[in-house]
């Protein structure tokens, strides 16, 4: 009998996430954010992030069990992110998950962080491949072709800044604080998206890559030229419009080239109002995760593990899997995943 109640852990960056899934349904999703801790630095401080994970992870586990209405002995399997991410923070969640599973005599399933983002959309119902998946967040912007669960081909990626990273950097230029992606999007609703006609990045490319560093520089140059009287809402709206246009343009190119009209959009930027609005207007099947599962969380790791177990897949010698700061998603596609 395959495990049906799975606890997932994600500590890939600065959020301590633990979620619980039963038969593919999310019972709990608790995330301890470190935003206030890192705000004064204007970005994540890895050492501080690791220490904070150690400080709160026991409490997050108790809250998740309470939210699910379960006791630890009722958990049937444990999963944790093993990469990619900050090596110190990854080690905390991975070692915690292994120790918990070992102490309870439970199966342990190491999960790739991006596979977790893809699986986050399963919270809204089963999605059958093939489909395209755009993952856009503060650390990643990539487009994948998912031919089957566990089989991923990267079609393109950002050549520089991730989309979410660009949102935060432009928000900082506009004095909106850190992290500023959501604040920028809220401000953009008051502005004119056609006020400033920024050039769509890589508009002449033949492939499916992304680039946001040049767009960020264009905004910085504009801000410097305008001085103190900044039309912040118009700049925010024009920037957001250009990012969303660039993301969906690449998806449309890939859809035509690969003959796939089913699109999953995941990652923190998947919470963006304009992106959701424009994507859902496309003549395709488009899927988003629930807003609470768009950013890093443990429930998506549990969902990915549930899918692997349902397909009879697991990792050879999971106890020997170590944290990996850099780990392309395609690297796990061809590994052996025999039945657990």
Protein backbone atom coordinates (compact mmCIF):
# COMPACT_ATOMS: atom_id res chain seq x y z
CA UNK A 1 0.00 0.00 0.00
CA UNK A 2 1.48 3.32 -1.07
CA UNK A 3 1.68 6.17 1.49
CA UNK A 4 -1.23 8.62 1.16
CA UNK A 5 -0.47 11.11 3.96
CA UNK A 6 2.76 12.92 3.10
CA UNK A 7 4.56 15.72 4.89
CA UNK A 8 6.65 18.05 2.73
CA UNK A 9 9.44 20.41 3.80
CA UNK A 10 10.96 23.30 1.84
CA UNK A 11 13.82 25.45 3.14
CA UNK A 12 15.42 26.25 -0.21
CA UNK A 13 15.73 29.96 0.52
CA UNK A 14 14.27 32.23 3.21
CA UNK A 15 10.83 30.71 3.88
CA UNK A 16 10.38 27.75 6.22
CA UNK A 17 7.56 25.76 4.64
CA UNK A 18 5.91 22.57 5.85
CA UNK A 19 2.78 21.17 4.23
CA UNK A 20 0.73 18.00 4.52
CA UNK A 21 -1.12 16.25 1.71
CA UNK A 22 -3.58 13.36 1.91
CA UNK A 23 -4.50 11.55 -1.31
CA UNK A 24 -3.41 14.61 -3.28
CA UNK A 25 -5.48 17.06 -1.20
CA UNK A 26 -3.71 19.77 0.78
CA UNK A 27 -4.54 19.47 4.48
CA UNK A 28 -2.01 22.01 5.75
CA UNK A 29 0.38 24.59 4.36
CA UNK A 30 2.32 26.60 6.92
CA UNK A 31 5.03 29.06 5.87
CA UNK A 32 7.19 31.08 8.26
CA UNK A 33 8.36 34.11 6.27
CA UNK A 34 11.68 35.83 6.90
CA UNK A 35 10.83 38.99 4.97
CA UNK A 36 11.11 41.31 7.96
CA UNK A 37 14.45 39.75 8.95
CA UNK A 38 16.07 40.47 5.57
CA UNK A 39 14.33 43.76 4.68
CA UNK A 40 17.09 45.93 6.12
CA UNK A 41 19.64 44.16 3.89
CA UNK A 42 17.56 44.59 0.73
CA UNK A 43 17.94 40.87 0.01
CA UNK A 44 18.37 37.46 1.60
CA UNK A 45 21.37 36.99 3.90
CA UNK A 46 22.15 33.25 3.68
CA UNK A 47 23.68 32.88 7.15
CA UNK A 48 20.77 34.68 8.80
CA UNK A 49 18.30 32.62 6.78
CA UNK A 50 19.88 29.34 7.92
CA UNK A 51 19.81 30.36 11.57
CA UNK A 52 16.15 31.39 11.32
CA UNK A 53 15.18 28.04 9.77
CA UNK A 54 16.78 26.28 12.74
CA UNK A 55 14.94 28.55 15.12
CA UNK A 56 11.41 28.07 13.74
CA UNK A 57 11.23 24.68 12.02
CA UNK A 58 9.96 22.75 15.07
CA UNK A 59 7.20 25.30 15.57
CA UNK A 60 6.25 25.20 11.88
CA UNK A 61 5.96 21.40 12.07
CA UNK A 62 3.65 21.63 15.09
CA UNK A 63 1.50 24.25 13.38
CA UNK A 64 1.23 22.15 10.23
CA UNK A 65 0.18 19.06 12.16
CA UNK A 66 -2.36 21.13 14.07
CA UNK A 67 -3.76 22.67 10.89
CA UNK A 68 -4.16 19.20 9.38
CA UNK A 69 -5.67 17.80 12.58
CA UNK A 70 -3.07 15.04 12.70
CA UNK A 71 -0.44 13.61 15.03
CA UNK A 72 3.06 12.80 13.81
CA UNK A 73 2.50 8.99 13.96
CA UNK A 74 -0.26 9.40 11.35
CA UNK A 75 2.20 10.71 8.74
CA UNK A 76 3.08 7.94 6.24
CA UNK A 77 5.96 9.49 4.28
CA UNK A 78 8.19 12.56 4.45
CA UNK A 79 9.59 14.60 1.57
CA UNK A 80 12.04 17.50 1.50
CA UNK A 81 13.68 19.75 -1.07
CA UNK A 82 17.27 18.76 -1.83
CA UNK A 83 18.03 21.39 -4.48
CA UNK A 84 18.51 23.84 -5.98
CA UNK A 85 18.78 26.70 -3.49
CA UNK A 86 21.05 28.15 -0.82
CA UNK A 87 23.23 25.28 0.35
CA UNK A 88 23.01 26.12 4.05
CA UNK A 89 19.24 26.50 4.12
CA UNK A 90 18.73 23.38 1.98
CA UNK A 91 20.78 21.30 4.41
CA UNK A 92 18.56 22.25 7.32
CA UNK A 93 15.30 21.13 5.72
CA UNK A 94 16.86 18.07 4.12
CA UNK A 95 18.54 16.84 7.32
CA UNK A 96 15.43 17.63 9.35
CA UNK A 97 13.27 15.63 6.94
CA UNK A 98 15.66 12.68 6.88
CA UNK A 99 15.92 12.62 10.67
CA UNK A 100 12.17 12.82 11.09
CA UNK A 101 11.57 10.04 8.58
CA UNK A 102 14.30 7.83 10.09
CA UNK A 103 12.99 8.29 13.63
CA UNK A 104 9.46 7.35 12.56
CA UNK A 105 10.48 4.50 10.27
CA UNK A 106 8.96 6.25 7.25
CA UNK A 107 9.89 6.45 3.56
CA UNK A 108 11.87 9.58 2.66
CA UNK A 109 11.47 11.24 -0.75
CA UNK A 110 13.95 13.95 -1.84
CA UNK A 111 12.27 16.41 -4.23
CA UNK A 112 13.65 18.92 -6.72
CA UNK A 113 12.44 22.42 -5.85
CA UNK A 114 11.22 23.18 -9.37
CA UNK A 115 9.35 19.89 -9.59
CA UNK A 116 7.57 21.09 -6.46
CA UNK A 117 6.53 24.29 -8.24
CA UNK A 118 5.20 22.28 -11.19
CA UNK A 119 3.27 20.02 -8.80
CA UNK A 120 1.76 23.01 -6.96
CA UNK A 121 -0.92 23.21 -9.64
CA UNK A 122 -2.11 19.71 -8.69
CA UNK A 123 -3.83 21.33 -5.71
CA UNK A 124 -6.50 22.48 -8.18
CA UNK A 125 -6.94 18.99 -9.70
CA UNK A 126 -4.99 16.47 -11.74
CA UNK A 127 -3.28 17.83 -14.85
CA UNK A 128 -2.35 15.42 -17.58
CA UNK A 129 0.82 15.93 -19.65
CA UNK A 130 1.94 16.95 -22.14
CA UNK A 131 1.97 20.61 -21.16
CA UNK A 132 4.29 23.59 -21.04
CA UNK A 133 5.27 24.96 -17.64
CA UNK A 134 6.52 28.48 -17.04
CA UNK A 135 8.21 28.82 -13.65
CA UNK A 136 8.75 32.48 -12.80
CA UNK A 137 10.00 33.49 -9.37
CA UNK A 138 12.69 35.49 -7.61
CA UNK A 139 15.29 32.82 -8.25
CA UNK A 140 14.12 31.11 -11.44
CA UNK A 141 12.56 31.90 -14.79
CA UNK A 142 12.41 28.87 -17.06
CA UNK A 143 10.06 27.28 -19.57
CA UNK A 144 9.74 23.49 -19.51
CA UNK A 145 8.04 20.94 -21.69
CA UNK A 146 6.52 18.27 -19.46
CA UNK A 147 6.00 15.18 -21.62
CA UNK A 148 5.13 13.05 -18.57
CA UNK A 149 5.36 13.48 -14.82
CA UNK A 150 9.05 13.12 -14.01
CA UNK A 151 10.13 13.88 -17.59
CA UNK A 152 11.11 17.52 -18.12
CA UNK A 153 12.84 19.32 -20.96
CA UNK A 154 13.99 22.89 -20.44
CA UNK A 155 13.13 24.90 -23.56
CA UNK A 156 14.49 28.22 -22.30
CA UNK A 157 15.59 30.16 -19.24
CA UNK A 158 16.53 33.66 -18.17
CA UNK A 159 19.98 34.60 -19.35
CA UNK A 160 20.40 37.01 -16.43
CA UNK A 161 17.86 38.21 -13.84
CA UNK A 162 14.85 36.10 -12.94
CA UNK A 163 11.49 37.80 -13.46
CA UNK A 164 10.75 38.08 -9.74
CA UNK A 165 14.25 39.42 -9.12
CA UNK A 166 13.64 42.13 -11.73
CA UNK A 167 10.34 43.06 -10.04
CA UNK A 168 12.13 43.47 -6.71
CA UNK A 169 14.99 45.51 -8.19
CA UNK A 170 12.65 47.89 -10.03
CA UNK A 171 10.53 48.22 -6.90
CA UNK A 172 13.66 49.28 -5.06
CA UNK A 173 14.36 51.90 -7.75
CA UNK A 174 10.87 53.27 -7.12
CA UNK A 175 11.35 53.30 -3.36
CA UNK A 176 8.83 50.55 -2.66
CA UNK A 177 10.97 48.53 -0.26
CA UNK A 178 11.87 44.84 -0.17
CA UNK A 179 10.50 42.55 -1.36
CA UNK A 180 8.70 44.86 -3.72
CA UNK A 181 7.07 42.67 -6.36
CA UNK A 182 3.58 42.74 -4.86
CA UNK A 183 3.85 46.45 -3.99
CA UNK A 184 4.89 47.25 -7.55
CA UNK A 185 1.96 45.29 -8.99
CA UNK A 186 -0.47 47.06 -6.68
CA UNK A 187 0.93 50.46 -7.68
CA UNK A 188 0.79 49.48 -11.37
CA UNK A 189 -2.99 49.22 -11.18
CA UNK A 190 -3.07 53.01 -10.81
CA UNK A 191 -0.80 53.66 -13.79
CA UNK A 192 -0.85 53.66 -17.59
CA UNK A 193 0.91 50.58 -19.02
CA UNK A 194 1.54 52.44 -22.30
CA UNK A 195 3.04 55.55 -20.67
CA UNK A 196 6.59 54.32 -21.35
CA UNK A 197 7.23 51.96 -24.23
CA UNK A 198 10.00 49.70 -23.00
CA UNK A 199 11.42 47.30 -25.57
CA UNK A 200 10.43 43.67 -25.10
CA UNK A 201 13.61 41.73 -24.21
CA UNK A 202 14.97 39.29 -26.82
CA UNK A 203 12.15 40.14 -29.22
CA UNK A 204 14.13 38.93 -32.24
CA UNK A 205 15.38 35.66 -30.74
CA UNK A 206 14.74 32.31 -32.39
CA UNK A 207 14.72 30.38 -29.13
CA UNK A 208 12.70 30.51 -25.92
CA UNK A 209 14.97 32.34 -23.48
CA UNK A 210 14.21 35.31 -21.26
CA UNK A 211 16.19 38.37 -20.22
CA UNK A 212 15.26 41.10 -17.74
CA UNK A 213 18.55 42.78 -16.87
CA UNK A 214 18.36 45.19 -19.82
CA UNK A 215 14.76 46.09 -18.99
CA UNK A 216 15.78 46.81 -15.40
CA UNK A 217 18.60 49.04 -16.68
CA UNK A 218 16.15 50.88 -18.96
CA UNK A 219 13.94 51.63 -15.94
CA UNK A 220 16.97 52.79 -13.93
CA UNK A 221 18.01 55.13 -16.76
CA UNK A 222 14.47 56.52 -16.99
CA UNK A 223 14.26 57.06 -13.24
CA UNK A 224 17.60 58.91 -13.24
CA UNK A 225 16.51 61.13 -16.14
CA UNK A 226 13.19 62.14 -14.57
CA UNK A 227 14.59 63.33 -11.25
CA UNK A 228 12.36 63.81 -8.23
CA UNK A 229 8.96 64.02 -9.90
CA UNK A 230 8.60 60.37 -10.79
CA UNK A 231 5.33 59.11 -12.26
CA UNK A 232 5.85 55.94 -10.24
CA UNK A 233 2.52 54.32 -11.07
CA UNK A 234 3.07 54.77 -14.81
CA UNK A 235 6.61 53.39 -14.61
CA UNK A 236 5.41 50.41 -12.57
CA UNK A 237 2.55 49.71 -14.99
CA UNK A 238 4.77 50.00 -18.07
CA UNK A 239 7.43 47.74 -16.56
CA UNK A 240 4.90 45.13 -15.43
CA UNK A 241 3.22 45.15 -18.84
CA UNK A 242 6.56 44.56 -20.59
CA UNK A 243 7.54 41.67 -18.29
CA UNK A 244 4.18 39.93 -18.70
CA UNK A 245 4.26 40.49 -22.46
CA UNK A 246 7.77 39.00 -22.66
CA UNK A 247 6.84 35.93 -20.58
CA UNK A 248 3.69 35.12 -22.52
CA UNK A 249 5.24 35.89 -25.92
CA UNK A 250 7.85 33.18 -25.32
CA UNK A 251 5.14 30.76 -24.15
CA UNK A 252 3.13 31.44 -27.32
CA UNK A 253 6.19 30.84 -29.51
CA UNK A 254 6.91 27.58 -27.73
CA UNK A 255 3.28 26.49 -27.97
CA UNK A 256 3.28 26.98 -31.72
CA UNK A 257 6.65 25.27 -32.18
CA UNK A 258 5.93 22.30 -29.90
CA UNK A 259 2.24 21.95 -30.76
CA UNK A 260 1.11 22.13 -27.11
CA UNK A 261 -1.79 24.35 -26.05
CA UNK A 262 -1.78 23.52 -22.35
CA UNK A 263 0.16 25.84 -20.03
CA UNK A 264 0.99 25.68 -16.33
CA UNK A 265 2.34 28.86 -14.71
CA UNK A 266 3.98 28.49 -11.30
CA UNK A 267 6.39 30.28 -8.97
CA UNK A 268 5.97 33.52 -7.07
CA UNK A 269 5.29 35.62 -10.18
CA UNK A 270 2.30 33.34 -10.86
CA UNK A 271 0.52 35.40 -8.20
CA UNK A 272 0.79 38.52 -10.40
CA UNK A 273 -2.66 39.86 -11.27
CA UNK A 274 -1.80 41.01 -14.81
CA UNK A 275 -0.04 37.76 -15.69
CA UNK A 276 -3.08 35.75 -14.58
CA UNK A 277 -5.44 38.01 -16.46
CA UNK A 278 -3.47 37.93 -19.74
CA UNK A 279 -2.70 34.20 -19.56
CA UNK A 280 -6.30 33.20 -18.87
CA UNK A 281 -7.37 35.20 -21.93
CA UNK A 282 -5.28 32.93 -24.19
CA UNK A 283 -7.17 30.29 -26.19
CA UNK A 284 -5.46 27.50 -24.23
CA UNK A 285 -5.92 25.41 -21.14
CA UNK A 286 -4.08 27.50 -18.53
CA UNK A 287 -3.47 26.40 -14.94
CA UNK A 288 -2.21 28.36 -11.93
CA UNK A 289 -1.54 27.15 -8.39
CA UNK A 290 -3.67 28.59 -5.59
CA UNK A 291 -2.17 31.91 -4.49
CA UNK A 292 -0.91 30.39 -1.22
CA UNK A 293 1.05 27.78 -3.19
CA UNK A 294 2.61 30.16 -5.71
CA UNK A 295 5.56 31.10 -3.50
CA UNK A 296 7.92 28.58 -1.87
CA UNK A 297 6.06 26.20 0.44
CA UNK A 298 6.08 22.66 1.81
CA UNK A 299 2.71 21.60 0.41
CA UNK A 300 4.04 21.67 -3.16
CA UNK A 301 6.90 19.38 -2.09
CA UNK A 302 4.38 16.97 -0.58
CA UNK A 303 2.29 17.12 -3.78
CA UNK A 304 5.34 16.29 -5.92
CA UNK A 305 6.19 13.37 -3.63
CA UNK A 306 2.58 12.13 -3.73
CA UNK A 307 2.67 12.14 -7.52
CA UNK A 308 5.94 10.21 -7.60
CA UNK A 309 4.68 7.63 -5.11
CA UNK A 310 1.40 7.28 -7.00
CA UNK A 311 3.40 6.47 -10.12
CA UNK A 312 5.50 3.98 -8.14
CA UNK A 313 8.59 6.15 -8.27
CA UNK A 314 11.18 6.98 -5.65
CA UNK A 315 14.90 7.72 -5.50
CA UNK A 316 17.58 5.05 -5.16
CA UNK A 317 19.17 5.32 -1.69
CA UNK A 318 17.28 8.49 -0.66
CA UNK A 319 19.22 8.65 2.62
CA UNK A 320 22.42 9.33 0.65
CA UNK A 321 21.00 12.22 -1.36
CA UNK A 322 22.82 15.42 -0.41
CA UNK A 323 21.83 19.06 -0.80
CA UNK A 324 22.62 20.57 -4.21
CA UNK A 325 22.91 24.34 -4.63
CA UNK A 326 22.83 23.98 -8.42
CA UNK A 327 20.68 21.27 -9.94
CA UNK A 328 19.03 21.49 -13.38
CA UNK A 329 15.58 19.92 -13.36
CA UNK A 330 16.49 17.76 -16.35
CA UNK A 331 19.20 16.12 -14.21
CA UNK A 332 16.59 14.17 -12.25
CA UNK A 333 14.64 13.05 -15.33
CA UNK A 334 16.97 10.23 -16.26
CA UNK A 335 17.79 9.01 -12.76
CA UNK A 336 16.35 5.68 -11.63
CA UNK A 337 13.16 5.95 -9.54
CA UNK A 338 12.24 2.37 -8.59
CA UNK A 339 9.16 1.62 -6.48
CA UNK A 340 9.49 2.42 -2.77
